[in-house]
Amino acid sequence: MSRAIHRIIIHCAATLNKCVLGRDGENAAQVIDRWHRARGFHRDAPANDNGLTSIGHHGVIEADGQWLIGRDVEEVVGAHVRGHNADLLGLCLVNADQFTSAQWAVLRT
């Protein structure tokens, strides 16, 4: 059974602009998962095989345009807009407010 998706919410990671977040063996979704885990967010098991247990976003778009999966896009309710998560997807763009052309291209697809 698939849940109905009616909206997409776009967040920013509030990182330095023109910054690639993933490094030292972690991609951007793993970094955000670690941040969310440190804030006390946790679910019993990851919904997919990426091993992330705490990220609230369904997808992360790195500054270089790389698309990374957070939560399972279709079935798992996100944890990013309290009280409004049931019918939406949450995407997170790395950077604060100056997004790259690669990020915009991924959003358009």
C-alpha atoms as a PDB file:
ATOM      1  CA  MET A   1       0.000   0.000   0.000  1.00  0.00           C
ATOM      2  CA  SER A   2       1.428   3.375  -1.033  1.00  0.00           C
ATOM      3  CA  ARG A   3       0.739   6.553   0.849  1.00  0.00           C
ATOM      4  CA  ALA A   4      -0.601   9.554  -1.042  1.00  0.00           C
ATOM      5  CA  ILE A   5       1.931  12.340  -1.626  1.00  0.00           C
ATOM      6  CA  HIS A   6       0.398  15.771  -2.165  1.00  0.00           C
ATOM      7  CA  ARG A   7       3.279  18.145  -1.419  1.00  0.00           C
ATOM      8  CA  ILE A   8       7.044  18.437  -1.481  1.00  0.00           C
ATOM      9  CA  ILE A   9       8.816  20.530   1.136  1.00  0.00           C
ATOM     10  CA  ILE A  10      12.307  21.804   0.350  1.00  0.00           C
ATOM     11  CA  HIS A  11      14.653  22.474   3.256  1.00  0.00           C
ATOM     12  CA  CYS A  12      18.200  23.756   3.346  1.00  0.00           C
ATOM     13  CA  ALA A  13      20.961  22.189   5.431  1.00  0.00           C
ATOM     14  CA  ALA A  14      22.041  25.642   6.668  1.00  0.00           C
ATOM     15  CA  THR A  15      25.656  24.871   5.855  1.00  0.00           C
ATOM     16  CA  LEU A  16      28.176  27.266   4.387  1.00  0.00           C
ATOM     17  CA  ASN A  17      27.300  28.231   0.834  1.00  0.00           C
ATOM     18  CA  LYS A  18      29.294  26.568  -1.948  1.00  0.00           C
ATOM     19  CA  CYS A  19      30.103  23.755   0.461  1.00  0.00           C
ATOM     20  CA  VAL A  20      30.076  20.038  -0.335  1.00  0.00           C
ATOM     21  CA  LEU A  21      28.849  18.499   2.919  1.00  0.00           C
ATOM     22  CA  GLY A  22      29.966  14.925   2.383  1.00  0.00           C
ATOM     23  CA  ARG A  23      33.596  14.144   3.254  1.00  0.00           C
ATOM     24  CA  ASP A  24      35.803  11.813   5.255  1.00  0.00           C
ATOM     25  CA  GLY A  25      33.925   8.739   4.032  1.00  0.00           C
ATOM     26  CA  GLU A  26      30.450  10.123   4.767  1.00  0.00           C
ATOM     27  CA  ASN A  27      28.019  11.405   2.163  1.00  0.00           C
ATOM     28  CA  ALA A  28      25.728  14.355   2.903  1.00  0.00           C
ATOM     29  CA  ALA A  29      22.767  12.134   3.899  1.00  0.00           C
ATOM     30  CA  GLN A  30      24.973  10.286   6.385  1.00  0.00           C
ATOM     31  CA  VAL A  31      26.194  13.580   7.865  1.00  0.00           C
ATOM     32  CA  ILE A  32      22.619  14.845   8.289  1.00  0.00           C
ATOM     33  CA  ASP A  33      21.610  11.468   9.755  1.00  0.00           C
ATOM     34  CA  ARG A  34      24.401  11.883  12.333  1.00  0.00           C
ATOM     35  CA  TRP A  35      23.238  15.435  13.124  1.00  0.00           C
ATOM     36  CA  HIS A  36      19.638  14.267  13.588  1.00  0.00           C
ATOM     37  CA  ARG A  37      20.745  11.323  15.736  1.00  0.00           C
ATOM     38  CA  ALA A  38      22.708  13.758  17.959  1.00  0.00           C
ATOM     39  CA  ARG A  39      19.493  15.799  18.381  1.00  0.00           C
ATOM     40  CA  GLY A  40      17.687  12.658  19.602  1.00  0.00           C
ATOM     41  CA  PHE A  41      15.777  11.719  16.439  1.00  0.00           C
ATOM     42  CA  HIS A  42      15.602   7.974  15.899  1.00  0.00           C
ATOM     43  CA  ARG A  43      13.404   5.323  14.351  1.00  0.00           C
ATOM     44  CA  ASP A  44      13.589   1.644  15.186  1.00  0.00           C
ATOM     45  CA  ALA A  45      15.016   0.515  11.861  1.00  0.00           C
ATOM     46  CA  PRO A  46      15.945   2.064   8.550  1.00  0.00           C
ATOM     47  CA  ALA A  47      13.226   1.724   5.953  1.00  0.00           C
ATOM     48  CA  ASN A  48      15.690   0.872   3.213  1.00  0.00           C
ATOM     49  CA  ASP A  49      19.142  -0.619   2.940  1.00  0.00           C
ATOM     50  CA  ASN A  50      21.102   2.626   3.319  1.00  0.00           C
ATOM     51  CA  GLY A  51      21.361   2.085   7.100  1.00  0.00           C
ATOM     52  CA  LEU A  52      20.254   5.603   8.071  1.00  0.00           C
ATOM     53  CA  THR A  53      18.149   5.560  11.233  1.00  0.00           C
ATOM     54  CA  SER A  54      17.618   9.212  12.145  1.00  0.00           C
ATOM     55  CA  ILE A  55      17.424  11.467   9.085  1.00  0.00           C
ATOM     56  CA  GLY A  56      14.012  13.104   8.726  1.00  0.00           C
ATOM     57  CA  HIS A  57      14.298  13.976   5.014  1.00  0.00           C
ATOM     58  CA  HIS A  58      13.413  11.642   2.158  1.00  0.00           C
ATOM     59  CA  GLY A  59      16.216  12.922  -0.036  1.00  0.00           C
ATOM     60  CA  VAL A  60      19.290  15.127   0.116  1.00  0.00           C
ATOM     61  CA  ILE A  61      20.725  17.018  -2.836  1.00  0.00           C
ATOM     62  CA  GLU A  62      24.434  17.670  -2.416  1.00  0.00           C
ATOM     63  CA  ALA A  63      25.984  20.885  -3.791  1.00  0.00           C
ATOM     64  CA  ASP A  64      27.414  18.945  -6.730  1.00  0.00           C
ATOM     65  CA  GLY A  65      23.917  17.694  -7.641  1.00  0.00           C
ATOM     66  CA  GLN A  66      24.291  14.211  -6.219  1.00  0.00           C
ATOM     67  CA  TRP A  67      20.887  12.775  -5.155  1.00  0.00           C
ATOM     68  CA  LEU A  68      21.053  10.831  -1.891  1.00  0.00           C
ATOM     69  CA  ILE A  69      18.254   8.805  -0.333  1.00  0.00           C
ATOM     70  CA  GLY A  70      17.348   9.491   3.270  1.00  0.00           C
ATOM     71  CA  ARG A  71      14.040   7.788   4.045  1.00  0.00           C
ATOM     72  CA  ASP A  72      12.184   5.500   1.669  1.00  0.00           C
ATOM     73  CA  VAL A  73      10.484   7.940  -0.689  1.00  0.00           C
ATOM     74  CA  GLU A  74       7.114   6.254  -1.055  1.00  0.00           C
ATOM     75  CA  GLU A  75       6.265   4.444   2.127  1.00  0.00           C
ATOM     76  CA  VAL A  76       7.909   6.105   5.117  1.00  0.00           C
ATOM     77  CA  VAL A  77       6.519   9.273   6.655  1.00  0.00           C
ATOM     78  CA  GLY A  78       9.251  11.862   7.113  1.00  0.00           C
ATOM     79  CA  ALA A  79      10.134  13.814  10.221  1.00  0.00           C
ATOM     80  CA  HIS A  80      10.752  17.335   9.007  1.00  0.00           C
ATOM     81  CA  VAL A  81       7.547  19.447   9.349  1.00  0.00           C
ATOM     82  CA  ARG A  82       5.783  18.652  12.611  1.00  0.00           C
ATOM     83  CA  GLY A  83       2.095  18.004  12.077  1.00  0.00           C
ATOM     84  CA  HIS A  84       2.316  17.981   8.266  1.00  0.00           C
ATOM     85  CA  ASN A  85       4.392  14.926   7.349  1.00  0.00           C
ATOM     86  CA  ALA A  86       1.652  12.431   6.477  1.00  0.00           C
ATOM     87  CA  ASP A  87       1.219  13.465   2.829  1.00  0.00           C
ATOM     88  CA  LEU A  88       4.467  15.139   1.870  1.00  0.00           C
ATOM     89  CA  LEU A  89       8.050  14.437   0.909  1.00  0.00           C
ATOM     90  CA  GLY A  90      10.910  16.356   2.444  1.00  0.00           C
ATOM     91  CA  LEU A  91      13.982  17.205   0.410  1.00  0.00           C
ATOM     92  CA  CYS A  92      17.064  18.908   1.787  1.00  0.00           C
ATOM     93  CA  LEU A  93      19.468  20.994  -0.272  1.00  0.00           C
ATOM     94  CA  VAL A  94      23.007  21.361   1.045  1.00  0.00           C
ATOM     95  CA  ASN A  95      23.981  25.065   1.457  1.00  0.00           C
ATOM     96  CA  ALA A  96      22.162  27.897   3.188  1.00  0.00           C
ATOM     97  CA  ASP A  97      20.699  30.047   0.426  1.00  0.00           C
ATOM     98  CA  GLN A  98      22.967  29.967  -2.632  1.00  0.00           C
ATOM     99  CA  PHE A  99      22.137  26.734  -4.395  1.00  0.00           C
ATOM    100  CA  THR A 100      24.040  25.430  -7.383  1.00  0.00           C
ATOM    101  CA  SER A 101      22.773  24.962 -10.915  1.00  0.00           C
ATOM    102  CA  ALA A 102      23.350  21.211 -10.415  1.00  0.00           C
ATOM    103  CA  GLN A 103      20.956  21.234  -7.434  1.00  0.00           C
ATOM    104  CA  TRP A 104      18.271  23.120  -9.378  1.00  0.00           C
ATOM    105  CA  ALA A 105      18.624  20.660 -12.265  1.00  0.00           C
ATOM    106  CA  VAL A 106      17.994  17.717  -9.913  1.00  0.00           C
ATOM    107  CA  LEU A 107      14.940  19.454  -8.431  1.00  0.00           C
ATOM    108  CA  ARG A 108      13.479  19.941 -11.910  1.00  0.00           C
ATOM    109  CA  THR A 109      13.669  16.207 -12.718  1.00  0.00           C
END
